N, C-alpha and C. Protein backbone atom coordinates (compact mmCIF):
# COMPACT_ATOMS: atom_id res chain seq x y z
N MET A 1 25.79 55.59 82.52
CA MET A 1 26.82 55.38 81.31
C MET A 1 25.69 55.46 80.21
N ALA A 2 24.96 54.51 80.31
CA ALA A 2 23.94 53.99 79.39
C ALA A 2 23.15 54.95 78.99
N GLU A 3 23.03 56.39 79.63
CA GLU A 3 22.14 57.65 79.57
C GLU A 3 22.54 58.54 78.52
N PHE A 4 23.79 58.30 79.15
CA PHE A 4 24.79 59.21 77.35
C PHE A 4 24.61 59.27 76.39
N THR A 5 24.92 57.43 76.11
CA THR A 5 24.65 56.61 75.16
C THR A 5 23.39 56.99 74.52
N LEU A 6 22.24 56.71 75.28
CA LEU A 6 21.27 56.84 74.80
C LEU A 6 20.87 58.46 74.12
N VAL A 7 21.13 59.21 74.80
CA VAL A 7 21.01 60.66 74.51
C VAL A 7 22.04 61.23 73.31
N GLY A 8 22.99 60.38 73.03
CA GLY A 8 23.78 60.73 72.24
C GLY A 8 23.60 60.26 70.63
N VAL A 9 22.80 58.98 70.92
CA VAL A 9 21.86 58.32 69.61
C VAL A 9 20.87 59.22 69.14
N LEU A 10 20.44 59.59 70.43
CA LEU A 10 19.05 60.40 69.83
C LEU A 10 19.68 62.17 69.08
N LEU A 11 20.42 62.29 69.48
CA LEU A 11 20.90 63.71 69.13
C LEU A 11 21.46 63.60 67.18
N VAL A 12 22.16 62.08 67.21
CA VAL A 12 22.57 62.52 66.39
C VAL A 12 21.58 62.16 65.47
N LEU A 13 20.64 61.28 65.52
CA LEU A 13 19.47 60.35 64.45
C LEU A 13 18.81 62.22 64.84
N LEU A 14 18.23 63.09 65.36
CA LEU A 14 17.96 64.28 65.28
C LEU A 14 18.66 64.80 64.32
N ALA A 15 19.97 64.82 64.15
CA ALA A 15 20.99 66.04 63.33
C ALA A 15 20.57 65.37 61.77
N LEU A 16 20.71 63.80 62.01
CA LEU A 16 20.54 63.47 60.55
C LEU A 16 18.86 63.73 60.07
N ALA A 17 18.00 63.99 60.88
CA ALA A 17 16.66 63.98 60.41
C ALA A 17 16.60 65.88 59.78
N VAL A 18 17.57 66.56 60.75
CA VAL A 18 17.23 67.72 60.35
C VAL A 18 17.92 68.10 58.46
N VAL A 19 18.95 67.33 58.26
CA VAL A 19 19.89 66.69 57.44
C VAL A 19 19.18 66.80 56.33
N GLN A 20 18.06 65.93 56.34
CA GLN A 20 17.48 65.02 55.28
C GLN A 20 16.60 65.94 55.33
N LEU A 21 15.71 66.47 55.91
CA LEU A 21 14.72 67.40 55.78
C LEU A 21 15.46 68.50 54.74
N ALA A 22 16.42 69.13 55.16
CA ALA A 22 16.98 69.97 54.23
C ALA A 22 17.18 69.62 52.84
N LEU A 23 17.95 68.31 52.74
CA LEU A 23 18.22 67.49 51.83
C LEU A 23 16.78 67.53 50.72
N SER A 24 15.70 67.32 51.32
CA SER A 24 14.12 67.46 50.80
C SER A 24 13.93 68.38 49.93
N LEU A 25 14.12 70.09 51.38
CA LEU A 25 13.44 71.08 50.56
C LEU A 25 14.50 71.74 49.84
N HIS A 26 15.98 71.34 49.56
CA HIS A 26 16.29 71.60 48.34
C HIS A 26 15.84 71.00 47.31
N VAL A 27 16.10 69.68 47.13
CA VAL A 27 15.55 69.04 45.98
C VAL A 27 14.55 69.44 45.63
N ARG A 28 13.19 69.81 46.55
CA ARG A 28 11.83 71.07 46.15
C ARG A 28 12.06 71.56 45.35
N ASN A 29 13.19 73.05 45.93
CA ASN A 29 12.90 74.05 45.80
C ASN A 29 13.87 74.00 44.32
N THR A 30 14.42 73.59 44.12
CA THR A 30 15.48 73.40 42.92
C THR A 30 14.48 72.77 41.93
N LEU A 31 14.20 71.88 41.80
CA LEU A 31 12.88 71.45 40.82
C LEU A 31 11.50 72.67 40.76
N LEU A 32 11.09 73.06 41.60
CA LEU A 32 10.39 74.10 41.18
C LEU A 32 11.06 75.42 40.65
N ASP A 33 12.23 75.79 40.79
CA ASP A 33 12.98 76.53 39.99
C ASP A 33 13.30 76.68 38.54
N ALA A 34 13.43 75.25 38.94
CA ALA A 34 13.63 75.08 37.16
C ALA A 34 12.46 74.26 36.04
N ALA A 35 11.50 74.47 36.88
CA ALA A 35 10.32 74.23 36.04
C ALA A 35 9.86 75.67 36.26
N ALA A 36 10.01 76.37 37.20
CA ALA A 36 9.21 77.97 36.38
C ALA A 36 10.21 78.85 35.26
N GLU A 37 11.71 77.94 35.35
CA GLU A 37 12.72 79.02 34.83
C GLU A 37 12.12 78.22 33.43
N GLY A 38 11.79 76.91 33.18
CA GLY A 38 11.57 76.36 31.88
C GLY A 38 10.12 77.07 31.49
N ALA A 39 8.95 77.62 31.97
CA ALA A 39 7.90 77.75 31.95
C ALA A 39 8.49 79.09 31.35
N ARG A 40 8.69 80.01 31.68
CA ARG A 40 9.35 81.54 31.35
C ARG A 40 10.20 81.48 30.39
N PHE A 41 11.08 79.94 29.59
CA PHE A 41 11.56 80.13 28.64
C PHE A 41 10.92 79.84 27.44
N ALA A 42 9.66 78.87 27.84
CA ALA A 42 8.57 78.56 26.71
C ALA A 42 7.49 79.52 26.39
N SER A 43 7.50 80.52 27.13
CA SER A 43 6.54 81.65 26.96
C SER A 43 7.35 82.51 26.01
N LEU A 44 8.39 82.40 26.04
CA LEU A 44 8.82 83.42 24.72
C LEU A 44 8.42 83.39 23.73
N ALA A 45 8.29 84.47 23.17
CA ALA A 45 7.80 84.97 21.89
C ALA A 45 8.67 83.52 20.90
N GLY A 46 8.28 82.98 20.15
CA GLY A 46 9.16 82.14 19.48
C GLY A 46 9.20 81.12 19.88
N ALA A 47 9.33 80.81 20.98
CA ALA A 47 9.37 79.41 22.07
C ALA A 47 8.31 78.31 21.44
N SER A 48 8.91 76.93 21.82
CA SER A 48 7.71 76.24 21.56
C SER A 48 7.93 75.69 23.20
N SER A 49 6.73 74.94 23.77
CA SER A 49 6.66 74.18 24.93
C SER A 49 7.82 73.37 25.14
N ALA A 50 8.06 72.88 24.10
CA ALA A 50 9.19 71.21 24.05
C ALA A 50 10.46 72.11 24.24
N GLU A 51 11.27 73.62 23.91
CA GLU A 51 12.15 73.94 24.51
C GLU A 51 12.10 74.44 26.27
N GLY A 52 10.69 74.81 26.63
CA GLY A 52 10.70 74.64 28.11
C GLY A 52 10.67 73.53 28.64
N VAL A 53 10.25 72.62 28.27
CA VAL A 53 10.58 71.21 29.01
C VAL A 53 11.89 70.56 28.88
N GLN A 54 13.07 70.93 27.72
CA GLN A 54 13.89 70.60 27.55
C GLN A 54 15.31 71.95 28.44
N ARG A 55 14.59 72.74 28.50
CA ARG A 55 15.06 73.75 29.26
C ARG A 55 15.43 73.37 30.92
N THR A 56 13.87 72.72 31.30
CA THR A 56 13.87 72.38 32.70
C THR A 56 14.99 71.40 32.91
N ARG A 57 14.70 70.40 32.19
CA ARG A 57 15.36 69.12 32.20
C ARG A 57 16.70 69.27 32.68
N ASP A 58 17.50 70.30 31.30
CA ASP A 58 19.08 70.78 31.66
C ASP A 58 19.01 71.30 32.64
N LEU A 59 18.43 71.91 33.72
CA LEU A 59 18.75 72.97 34.48
C LEU A 59 18.90 71.32 35.71
N ILE A 60 17.85 71.00 35.98
CA ILE A 60 17.65 69.78 36.96
C ILE A 60 19.06 68.97 36.96
N ASP A 61 19.09 68.48 35.41
CA ASP A 61 20.39 67.28 35.16
C ASP A 61 21.62 68.41 35.66
N ALA A 62 21.72 69.40 35.45
CA ALA A 62 22.75 70.38 36.15
C ALA A 62 23.14 70.18 37.61
N ALA A 63 21.63 70.46 38.57
CA ALA A 63 22.11 70.87 39.64
C ALA A 63 21.38 69.70 40.68
N ILE A 64 20.73 68.55 39.69
CA ILE A 64 20.52 67.43 40.82
C ILE A 64 20.91 66.09 40.17
N ALA A 65 20.05 65.52 39.25
CA ALA A 65 20.62 64.00 38.81
C ALA A 65 19.56 64.46 37.57
N SER A 66 19.85 63.68 36.19
CA SER A 66 18.91 63.74 35.34
C SER A 66 17.99 62.52 35.86
N SER A 67 17.50 61.29 36.45
CA SER A 67 16.84 60.64 36.72
C SER A 67 15.67 62.01 37.49
N TYR A 68 15.93 62.77 38.00
CA TYR A 68 14.63 63.68 38.69
C TYR A 68 14.11 64.60 37.85
N ALA A 69 14.61 64.55 36.27
CA ALA A 69 14.25 65.29 35.17
C ALA A 69 13.57 64.53 34.34
N GLU A 70 13.39 62.89 34.99
CA GLU A 70 12.51 62.12 33.60
C GLU A 70 11.07 62.48 33.24
N ASP A 71 10.59 62.58 34.47
CA ASP A 71 9.09 63.23 33.99
C ASP A 71 8.79 64.73 33.99
N ALA A 72 8.84 65.53 33.14
CA ALA A 72 8.74 66.86 32.69
C ALA A 72 7.63 67.01 31.80
N THR A 73 6.21 67.78 31.94
CA THR A 73 5.65 68.00 31.07
C THR A 73 5.43 69.40 30.50
N ALA A 74 4.57 69.98 29.83
CA ALA A 74 4.08 71.06 29.35
C ALA A 74 2.68 71.51 29.28
N ALA A 75 1.58 72.38 29.00
CA ALA A 75 0.24 72.23 29.42
C ALA A 75 0.23 73.96 28.93
N THR A 76 -0.55 74.07 28.12
CA THR A 76 -1.13 75.26 28.13
C THR A 76 -2.69 75.67 28.62
N VAL A 77 -2.34 76.40 29.86
CA VAL A 77 -3.10 77.01 30.89
C VAL A 77 -3.57 78.45 30.26
N SER A 78 -4.91 78.59 31.59
CA SER A 78 -5.32 80.23 31.82
C SER A 78 -5.44 80.16 33.32
N ILE A 79 -4.76 81.25 33.63
CA ILE A 79 -4.55 81.63 34.45
C ILE A 79 -5.01 83.40 34.86
N SER A 80 -6.30 83.63 35.28
CA SER A 80 -7.22 84.32 35.38
C SER A 80 -7.59 85.21 34.29
N GLY A 81 -7.55 84.39 33.08
CA GLY A 81 -8.21 84.55 31.75
C GLY A 81 -7.05 84.94 31.00
N VAL A 82 -5.67 84.77 31.45
CA VAL A 82 -4.53 85.21 30.46
C VAL A 82 -3.90 84.04 30.17
N PRO A 83 -3.86 83.59 28.97
CA PRO A 83 -2.73 82.26 28.69
C PRO A 83 -1.89 82.05 29.40
N ALA A 84 -1.03 80.98 29.80
CA ALA A 84 -0.28 80.61 30.24
C ALA A 84 0.64 79.14 30.40
N ILE A 85 2.32 79.02 30.21
CA ILE A 85 2.81 77.92 30.13
C ILE A 85 2.64 77.17 31.17
N GLU A 86 2.52 76.35 31.32
CA GLU A 86 2.74 75.56 32.34
C GLU A 86 3.80 73.96 32.43
N ILE A 87 4.73 74.32 33.27
CA ILE A 87 5.91 73.23 33.45
C ILE A 87 5.79 72.41 34.62
N ARG A 88 5.16 71.22 34.64
CA ARG A 88 4.89 70.25 35.67
C ARG A 88 6.00 69.35 35.68
N VAL A 89 6.72 68.86 36.98
CA VAL A 89 7.69 68.10 37.48
C VAL A 89 7.38 67.15 38.51
N ARG A 90 7.11 65.87 38.11
CA ARG A 90 7.05 65.00 39.27
C ARG A 90 8.72 63.95 39.16
N ALA A 91 8.50 64.30 40.73
CA ALA A 91 9.92 63.21 41.15
C ALA A 91 10.18 62.85 41.75
N THR A 92 11.59 62.02 42.45
CA THR A 92 11.49 61.18 43.70
C THR A 92 11.53 62.01 44.86
N LEU A 93 10.72 62.03 45.92
CA LEU A 93 10.90 62.54 47.26
C LEU A 93 12.05 62.13 47.83
N PRO A 94 12.93 62.30 48.24
CA PRO A 94 14.50 62.37 48.96
C PRO A 94 13.77 61.81 50.51
N VAL A 95 13.92 60.46 50.63
CA VAL A 95 13.58 60.05 52.20
C VAL A 95 14.54 59.77 52.80
N ILE A 96 15.98 58.82 52.29
CA ILE A 96 16.83 58.47 52.71
C ILE A 96 17.90 59.06 51.54
N GLY A 97 18.76 60.25 51.99
CA GLY A 97 19.87 60.66 50.70
C GLY A 97 18.96 60.85 49.70
N LEU A 98 18.87 60.41 48.63
CA LEU A 98 18.65 60.90 47.13
C LEU A 98 17.38 59.86 46.67
N LEU A 99 17.47 58.90 47.30
CA LEU A 99 16.56 57.89 47.63
C LEU A 99 15.30 57.85 48.15
N GLY A 100 14.03 57.56 47.14
CA GLY A 100 12.84 57.94 48.65
C GLY A 100 11.41 57.47 47.38
N LEU A 101 10.48 58.20 47.80
CA LEU A 101 9.35 57.73 47.37
C LEU A 101 9.40 58.15 45.80
N ALA A 102 9.43 57.07 44.62
CA ALA A 102 9.10 57.52 43.30
C ALA A 102 7.88 58.57 42.89
N ASN A 103 7.86 59.30 42.31
CA ASN A 103 6.67 60.00 42.33
C ASN A 103 5.83 60.88 43.22
N GLY A 104 6.97 60.79 44.65
CA GLY A 104 6.21 61.80 45.89
C GLY A 104 6.64 63.24 45.57
N LEU A 105 6.82 63.72 44.73
CA LEU A 105 7.15 65.10 44.51
C LEU A 105 6.77 65.82 43.46
N GLU A 106 5.30 66.79 43.54
CA GLU A 106 5.05 67.33 41.87
C GLU A 106 5.31 68.95 42.54
N VAL A 107 6.02 69.64 40.99
CA VAL A 107 5.69 70.91 41.25
C VAL A 107 5.65 71.49 40.05
N ALA A 108 4.80 72.50 40.14
CA ALA A 108 4.82 73.34 38.53
C ALA A 108 5.21 74.90 38.63
N GLY A 109 5.74 74.83 37.39
CA GLY A 109 6.21 76.51 37.14
C GLY A 109 4.96 76.86 36.17
N HIS A 110 4.64 78.27 36.28
CA HIS A 110 3.96 79.23 35.13
C HIS A 110 4.31 80.38 34.64
N ALA A 111 4.14 80.84 33.90
CA ALA A 111 4.61 82.19 32.85
C ALA A 111 3.41 82.51 31.67
N PRO A 112 2.98 83.78 31.72
CA PRO A 112 2.04 84.15 31.02
C PRO A 112 3.28 84.00 29.29
N ILE A 113 2.17 83.51 28.16
CA ILE A 113 2.63 83.77 26.95
C ILE A 113 2.41 85.11 26.47
N GLU A 114 3.64 85.42 25.70
CA GLU A 114 4.41 86.14 25.35
C GLU A 114 3.72 86.81 23.96
N ALA A 115 3.16 87.95 23.92
CA ALA A 115 2.63 87.75 22.46
C ALA A 115 3.05 89.33 21.70
N VAL A 116 3.48 88.80 20.40
CA VAL A 116 3.96 89.85 19.78
C VAL A 116 3.01 90.32 18.78
N GLU A 117 2.65 91.83 18.82
CA GLU A 117 1.76 92.00 17.92
C GLU A 117 2.10 93.61 17.26
């Protein structure tokens, strides 16, 4: 009887670990998508990098929580000689539920800067 209990406990722990991994990947992909969308928004002609950061924060706030959007920054970079905007987001890496390692997750989105000539 003890073997069945031990197997049951191990199966439950394995299932919880898979669910936690799925949650962590969901958070990462959501942050990455929000950063990429913010970079695309900031790269439009007439838009500023601050507007891209705000767009990123709004998307993260709507999808996860505002605490995940606190550390979002923008910078102008060069990718293969092409000027681009980079939105970088640092957030908590979820380990148990949405609680976890502060600044354990960092993603960046890039988009070439649009120029009207």
